Structure formats: structure tokens, C-alpha cells
Amino acid sequence: MNIRLLALAGVAACAIALPLAVASAGPVGDQDADDVRPSRRADAKAPSAEPTDPPGLLGLGLATAARCGPELTSPDGIEAQTCVMTQGETTWARTYYRNVTGGALDSVLSLMGPGGRTLQMRCMIGTDDEPATCETPRERTRGNLDAYTAVAEFAARAGQGPLLLRSGSNSGAPAGG
């Protein structure tokens, strides 16, 4: 009789334990698709799939467009390239230059826009031969960007000499076909 009681006790224990196991696991296929969440154990070094910049931004900020003329070098030792810059709804002129003349120079950078509007900036060019820039103040873009041009003129200080270099943002297309 003791064996029979033990067998009945084992069946009873299984009969109670099995429904509890099924109830705690939940029914198969009862998981809602909205409740599926990715594991937070992803590698911390892996790049995030989430976008980090708002639309229209590239890298550190708004993308800047540059429309530049050719890089020019004068026989006197001025190297320059002049550009019309646009970022968002602002436009300005910038000239990249290098003065290898050994003397200080004056430069005037002009931004010409639609409707005959002109903005000028006077830049003092030092005697060092390191690359540098000069910019006009930024202004709200008016009209078509193709209507903007920039010109930089380099001359000896205080007008005591000839024009050494004129650099523009627009260059004529090469002839030929």
C-alpha cells in the first residue's frame, strides 16, 4: 500500500505542477507584436541606427554650398580663389588667399547680388605667407543664387601701386567643343 500511495502522490504532484508551469509561461502565440522590444545589451561601441541630426543637417551643422572661381596666381606672388558661399538662407563672399610677395597688401572683397546690391569688405593682408581667408558679412539670400558673384582685388597698401590680382567667383566656360 505504501507504493500505491507514493504513486498516487506523484501523479497528484504532477497534476498540480503542470498547470502552474503552463500558466506562468502563458499561451503560445499570445505575444503582441507591439510588445517586442530590442535587447538593451547591444555593444556600446556599435553605431546607433537612430538619426542624430535633424533633416537638412550634415555633420556639424547646416550644409554650406560654395560656388568658386578658378585658383589664380599672379606673377607678383598673390594666390587667391574667390567664392560665393550659401548656408540655409544666408549668402556671403569668401576669398582664400596666400601672400608670398613679402609686403603687406590691401584687398577689397565685393559680393554683388540681385538688383544691383553690393556688399564690400576691406581686408588687411599681412606679410606672412600662410594661407588665410577674408569674408563679407552674411546677408539673407534674395532671389536666385546664380545672381550672386564675388570679386576680390589685391593691391599694394594705400593705393601705392598697381592692382596685383583680381579673383572672381565666376569664370567663363572654356571655349571648344
C-alpha atoms as a PDB file:
ATOM      1  CA  MET A   1       0.000   0.000   0.000  1.00  0.00           C
ATOM      2  CA  ASN A   2       2.822   2.361   0.612  1.00  0.00           C
ATOM      3  CA  ILE A   3       3.968   2.071  -3.009  1.00  0.00           C
ATOM      4  CA  ARG A   4       0.477   2.750  -4.213  1.00  0.00           C
ATOM      5  CA  LEU A   5       0.201   5.903  -2.056  1.00  0.00           C
ATOM      6  CA  LEU A   6       3.542   7.134  -3.313  1.00  0.00           C
ATOM      7  CA  ALA A   7       2.471   6.636  -6.921  1.00  0.00           C
ATOM      8  CA  LEU A   8      -0.793   8.483  -6.334  1.00  0.00           C
ATOM      9  CA  ALA A   9       1.045  11.291  -4.574  1.00  0.00           C
ATOM     10  CA  GLY A  10       3.432  11.601  -7.571  1.00  0.00           C
ATOM     11  CA  VAL A  11       0.532  11.785 -10.051  1.00  0.00           C
ATOM     12  CA  ALA A  12      -1.181  14.391  -7.900  1.00  0.00           C
ATOM     13  CA  ALA A  13       2.007  16.450  -7.690  1.00  0.00           C
ATOM     14  CA  CYS A  14       2.389  16.368 -11.477  1.00  0.00           C
ATOM     15  CA  ALA A  15      -1.267  17.226 -11.933  1.00  0.00           C
ATOM     16  CA  ILE A  16      -0.792  20.355  -9.797  1.00  0.00           C
ATOM     17  CA  ALA A  17       2.685  21.352 -11.060  1.00  0.00           C
ATOM     18  CA  LEU A  18       1.954  21.078 -14.794  1.00  0.00           C
ATOM     19  CA  PRO A  19      -0.925  23.608 -14.908  1.00  0.00           C
ATOM     20  CA  LEU A  20       1.160  26.048 -12.849  1.00  0.00           C
ATOM     21  CA  ALA A  21       4.061  25.795 -15.304  1.00  0.00           C
ATOM     22  CA  VAL A  22       1.783  26.386 -18.316  1.00  0.00           C
ATOM     23  CA  ALA A  23       0.039  29.315 -16.617  1.00  0.00           C
ATOM     24  CA  SER A  24       3.292  31.082 -15.781  1.00  0.00           C
ATOM     25  CA  ALA A  25       4.666  30.651 -19.346  1.00  0.00           C
ATOM     26  CA  GLY A  26       1.449  31.892 -20.926  1.00  0.00           C
ATOM     27  CA  PRO A  27      -0.275  30.552 -24.002  1.00  0.00           C
ATOM     28  CA  VAL A  28       1.827  30.011 -27.127  1.00  0.00           C
ATOM     29  CA  GLY A  29       1.395  32.713 -29.793  1.00  0.00           C
ATOM     30  CA  ASP A  30      -0.242  35.172 -27.382  1.00  0.00           C
ATOM     31  CA  GLN A  31       2.585  37.742 -27.618  1.00  0.00           C
ATOM     32  CA  ASP A  32       1.534  41.096 -29.044  1.00  0.00           C
ATOM     33  CA  ALA A  33       3.785  42.338 -31.885  1.00  0.00           C
ATOM     34  CA  ASP A  34       3.876  45.829 -30.325  1.00  0.00           C
ATOM     35  CA  ASP A  35       5.424  44.430 -27.152  1.00  0.00           C
ATOM     36  CA  VAL A  36       8.558  43.195 -28.919  1.00  0.00           C
ATOM     37  CA  ARG A  37      11.481  45.356 -27.786  1.00  0.00           C
ATOM     38  CA  PRO A  38      15.116  45.049 -28.820  1.00  0.00           C
ATOM     39  CA  SER A  39      17.565  43.979 -26.194  1.00  0.00           C
ATOM     40  CA  ARG A  40      19.451  46.808 -24.474  1.00  0.00           C
ATOM     41  CA  ARG A  41      22.527  44.580 -24.263  1.00  0.00           C
ATOM     42  CA  ALA A  42      23.853  45.725 -27.657  1.00  0.00           C
ATOM     43  CA  ASP A  43      27.534  46.521 -27.956  1.00  0.00           C
ATOM     44  CA  ALA A  44      28.078  50.043 -26.596  1.00  0.00           C
ATOM     45  CA  LYS A  45      30.689  50.688 -29.313  1.00  0.00           C
ATOM     46  CA  ALA A  46      28.282  49.889 -32.156  1.00  0.00           C
ATOM     47  CA  PRO A  47      26.876  52.926 -34.002  1.00  0.00           C
ATOM     48  CA  SER A  48      23.281  53.815 -33.310  1.00  0.00           C
ATOM     49  CA  ALA A  49      20.679  53.315 -36.026  1.00  0.00           C
ATOM     50  CA  GLU A  50      18.873  56.405 -34.737  1.00  0.00           C
ATOM     51  CA  PRO A  51      19.491  59.591 -36.778  1.00  0.00           C
ATOM     52  CA  THR A  52      21.414  62.152 -34.740  1.00  0.00           C
ATOM     53  CA  ASP A  53      20.913  65.290 -36.876  1.00  0.00           C
ATOM     54  CA  PRO A  54      17.634  66.852 -37.938  1.00  0.00           C
ATOM     55  CA  PRO A  55      16.890  66.707 -41.677  1.00  0.00           C
ATOM     56  CA  GLY A  56      18.897  69.215 -43.707  1.00  0.00           C
ATOM     57  CA  LEU A  57      21.938  68.982 -41.470  1.00  0.00           C
ATOM     58  CA  LEU A  58      25.191  67.373 -42.451  1.00  0.00           C
ATOM     59  CA  GLY A  59      27.767  66.700 -39.789  1.00  0.00           C
ATOM     60  CA  LEU A  60      28.271  69.748 -37.581  1.00  0.00           C
ATOM     61  CA  GLY A  61      25.505  71.960 -38.912  1.00  0.00           C
ATOM     62  CA  LEU A  62      23.722  73.190 -41.992  1.00  0.00           C
ATOM     63  CA  ALA A  63      25.428  72.240 -45.210  1.00  0.00           C
ATOM     64  CA  THR A  64      27.359  75.072 -46.872  1.00  0.00           C
ATOM     65  CA  ALA A  65      27.448  75.358 -50.654  1.00  0.00           C
ATOM     66  CA  ALA A  66      30.361  77.116 -52.371  1.00  0.00           C
ATOM     67  CA  ARG A  67      30.450  78.366 -55.968  1.00  0.00           C
ATOM     68  CA  CYS A  68      34.085  79.231 -56.647  1.00  0.00           C
ATOM     69  CA  GLY A  69      36.094  80.613 -59.498  1.00  0.00           C
ATOM     70  CA  PRO A  70      39.482  79.221 -60.501  1.00  0.00           C
ATOM     71  CA  GLU A  71      42.565  79.294 -58.278  1.00  0.00           C
ATOM     72  CA  LEU A  72      44.736  82.128 -59.591  1.00  0.00           C
ATOM     73  CA  THR A  73      48.367  83.097 -59.055  1.00  0.00           C
ATOM     74  CA  SER A  74      49.817  86.461 -60.038  1.00  0.00           C
ATOM     75  CA  PRO A  75      53.438  86.879 -61.173  1.00  0.00           C
ATOM     76  CA  ASP A  76      53.841  89.164 -58.130  1.00  0.00           C
ATOM     77  CA  GLY A  77      53.150  86.323 -55.684  1.00  0.00           C
ATOM     78  CA  ILE A  78      49.471  86.502 -54.733  1.00  0.00           C
ATOM     79  CA  GLU A  79      47.454  83.271 -54.820  1.00  0.00           C
ATOM     80  CA  ALA A  80      43.674  83.503 -54.484  1.00  0.00           C
ATOM     81  CA  GLN A  81      40.358  81.793 -55.073  1.00  0.00           C
ATOM     82  CA  THR A  82      37.061  83.610 -54.533  1.00  0.00           C
ATOM     83  CA  CYS A  83      33.697  82.018 -53.778  1.00  0.00           C
ATOM     84  CA  VAL A  84      30.039  82.799 -53.182  1.00  0.00           C
ATOM     85  CA  MET A  85      29.007  80.850 -50.081  1.00  0.00           C
ATOM     86  CA  THR A  86      25.449  79.834 -49.178  1.00  0.00           C
ATOM     87  CA  GLN A  87      24.203  78.225 -45.974  1.00  0.00           C
ATOM     88  CA  GLY A  88      20.490  77.890 -45.364  1.00  0.00           C
ATOM     89  CA  GLU A  89      19.021  81.267 -46.290  1.00  0.00           C
ATOM     90  CA  THR A  90      22.244  83.295 -45.960  1.00  0.00           C
ATOM     91  CA  THR A  91      24.818  84.222 -48.606  1.00  0.00           C
ATOM     92  CA  TRP A  92      28.282  85.788 -48.353  1.00  0.00           C
ATOM     93  CA  ALA A  93      31.582  86.060 -50.229  1.00  0.00           C
ATOM     94  CA  ARG A  94      34.849  84.448 -49.181  1.00  0.00           C
ATOM     95  CA  THR A  95      38.301  84.620 -50.699  1.00  0.00           C
ATOM     96  CA  TYR A  96      41.070  82.180 -49.864  1.00  0.00           C
ATOM     97  CA  TYR A  97      44.487  83.747 -50.380  1.00  0.00           C
ATOM     98  CA  ARG A  98      48.198  83.447 -49.770  1.00  0.00           C
ATOM     99  CA  ASN A  99      50.571  86.412 -49.898  1.00  0.00           C
ATOM    100  CA  VAL A 100      54.126  85.444 -50.866  1.00  0.00           C
ATOM    101  CA  THR A 101      55.128  88.969 -52.011  1.00  0.00           C
ATOM    102  CA  GLY A 102      56.886  89.738 -48.732  1.00  0.00           C
ATOM    103  CA  GLY A 103      54.943  93.000 -48.348  1.00  0.00           C
ATOM    104  CA  ALA A 104      51.657  93.963 -46.729  1.00  0.00           C
ATOM    105  CA  LEU A 105      48.708  94.387 -49.107  1.00  0.00           C
ATOM    106  CA  ASP A 106      45.187  95.769 -49.200  1.00  0.00           C
ATOM    107  CA  SER A 107      42.281  93.741 -50.501  1.00  0.00           C
ATOM    108  CA  VAL A 108      38.665  94.574 -51.219  1.00  0.00           C
ATOM    109  CA  LEU A 109      36.176  91.698 -51.375  1.00  0.00           C
ATOM    110  CA  SER A 110      32.840  92.500 -53.040  1.00  0.00           C
ATOM    111  CA  LEU A 111      29.626  90.477 -53.062  1.00  0.00           C
ATOM    112  CA  MET A 112      27.276  91.562 -55.842  1.00  0.00           C
ATOM    113  CA  GLY A 113      23.698  90.376 -55.652  1.00  0.00           C
ATOM    114  CA  PRO A 114      20.367  90.747 -57.419  1.00  0.00           C
ATOM    115  CA  GLY A 115      19.043  94.238 -58.043  1.00  0.00           C
ATOM    116  CA  GLY A 116      22.487  95.873 -58.138  1.00  0.00           C
ATOM    117  CA  ARG A 117      23.080  95.282 -54.426  1.00  0.00           C
ATOM    118  CA  THR A 118      26.801  95.253 -53.477  1.00  0.00           C
ATOM    119  CA  LEU A 119      28.421  94.459 -50.141  1.00  0.00           C
ATOM    120  CA  GLN A 120      32.161  95.194 -49.672  1.00  0.00           C
ATOM    121  CA  MET A 121      34.742  94.201 -47.094  1.00  0.00           C
ATOM    122  CA  ARG A 122      38.228  95.685 -46.820  1.00  0.00           C
ATOM    123  CA  CYS A 123      40.853  93.155 -45.686  1.00  0.00           C
ATOM    124  CA  MET A 124      44.374  93.905 -44.495  1.00  0.00           C
ATOM    125  CA  ILE A 125      46.763  91.285 -45.866  1.00  0.00           C
ATOM    126  CA  GLY A 126      49.813  90.671 -43.675  1.00  0.00           C
ATOM    127  CA  THR A 127      53.359  89.873 -44.762  1.00  0.00           C
ATOM    128  CA  ASP A 128      53.368  86.218 -43.696  1.00  0.00           C
ATOM    129  CA  ASP A 129      52.918  83.648 -46.444  1.00  0.00           C
ATOM    130  CA  GLU A 130      50.404  81.475 -44.584  1.00  0.00           C
ATOM    131  CA  PRO A 131      47.053  80.691 -46.266  1.00  0.00           C
ATOM    132  CA  ALA A 132      44.196  82.860 -44.938  1.00  0.00           C
ATOM    133  CA  THR A 133      40.637  83.971 -45.714  1.00  0.00           C
ATOM    134  CA  CYS A 134      38.602  87.155 -45.911  1.00  0.00           C
ATOM    135  CA  GLU A 135      34.774  87.204 -45.793  1.00  0.00           C
ATOM    136  CA  THR A 136      31.979  89.696 -46.235  1.00  0.00           C
ATOM    137  CA  PRO A 137      29.232  89.804 -43.628  1.00  0.00           C
ATOM    138  CA  ARG A 138      26.440  87.290 -44.210  1.00  0.00           C
ATOM    139  CA  GLU A 139      23.138  88.506 -45.573  1.00  0.00           C
ATOM    140  CA  ARG A 140      19.746  86.980 -46.219  1.00  0.00           C
ATOM    141  CA  THR A 141      19.651  85.425 -49.684  1.00  0.00           C
ATOM    142  CA  ARG A 142      17.465  87.377 -52.092  1.00  0.00           C
ATOM    143  CA  GLY A 143      16.363  85.848 -55.356  1.00  0.00           C
ATOM    144  CA  ASN A 144      18.273  83.281 -57.386  1.00  0.00           C
ATOM    145  CA  LEU A 145      21.702  82.149 -56.162  1.00  0.00           C
ATOM    146  CA  ASP A 146      23.047  82.385 -59.718  1.00  0.00           C
ATOM    147  CA  ALA A 147      22.561  86.168 -59.493  1.00  0.00           C
ATOM    148  CA  TYR A 148      25.348  86.422 -56.869  1.00  0.00           C
ATOM    149  CA  THR A 149      29.010  86.957 -57.786  1.00  0.00           C
ATOM    150  CA  ALA A 150      32.079  87.785 -55.740  1.00  0.00           C
ATOM    151  CA  VAL A 151      35.308  89.565 -56.695  1.00  0.00           C
ATOM    152  CA  ALA A 152      38.476  90.088 -54.646  1.00  0.00           C
ATOM    153  CA  GLU A 153      41.077  92.670 -55.675  1.00  0.00           C
ATOM    154  CA  PHE A 154      44.589  92.721 -54.215  1.00  0.00           C
ATOM    155  CA  ALA A 155      46.859  95.819 -54.395  1.00  0.00           C
ATOM    156  CA  ALA A 156      49.813  97.383 -52.610  1.00  0.00           C
ATOM    157  CA  ARG A 157      48.876  99.201 -49.379  1.00  0.00           C
ATOM    158  CA  ALA A 158      47.378 102.698 -49.525  1.00  0.00           C
ATOM    159  CA  GLY A 159      46.982 102.531 -53.299  1.00  0.00           C
ATOM    160  CA  GLN A 160      50.725 102.939 -53.827  1.00  0.00           C
ATOM    161  CA  GLY A 161      50.909 100.535 -56.708  1.00  0.00           C
ATOM    162  CA  PRO A 162      49.059  98.685 -59.403  1.00  0.00           C
ATOM    163  CA  LEU A 163      46.352  96.073 -58.993  1.00  0.00           C
ATOM    164  CA  LEU A 164      48.208  92.805 -58.375  1.00  0.00           C
ATOM    165  CA  LEU A 165      45.373  90.290 -58.751  1.00  0.00           C
ATOM    166  CA  ARG A 166      41.623  90.187 -59.360  1.00  0.00           C
ATOM    167  CA  SER A 167      39.922  86.913 -58.450  1.00  0.00           C
ATOM    168  CA  GLY A 168      36.244  86.181 -59.143  1.00  0.00           C
ATOM    169  CA  SER A 169      33.699  83.546 -58.224  1.00  0.00           C
ATOM    170  CA  ASN A 170      32.519  83.156 -61.835  1.00  0.00           C
ATOM    171  CA  SER A 171      34.698  82.147 -64.700  1.00  0.00           C
ATOM    172  CA  GLY A 172      33.756  81.841 -68.321  1.00  0.00           C
ATOM    173  CA  ALA A 173      33.288  78.325 -69.601  1.00  0.00           C
ATOM    174  CA  PRO A 174      36.218  77.182 -71.742  1.00  0.00           C
ATOM    175  CA  ALA A 175      35.592  77.529 -75.443  1.00  0.00           C
ATOM    176  CA  GLY A 176      35.658  74.438 -77.582  1.00  0.00           C
ATOM    177  CA  GLY A 177      33.518  71.596 -78.289  1.00  0.00           C
END
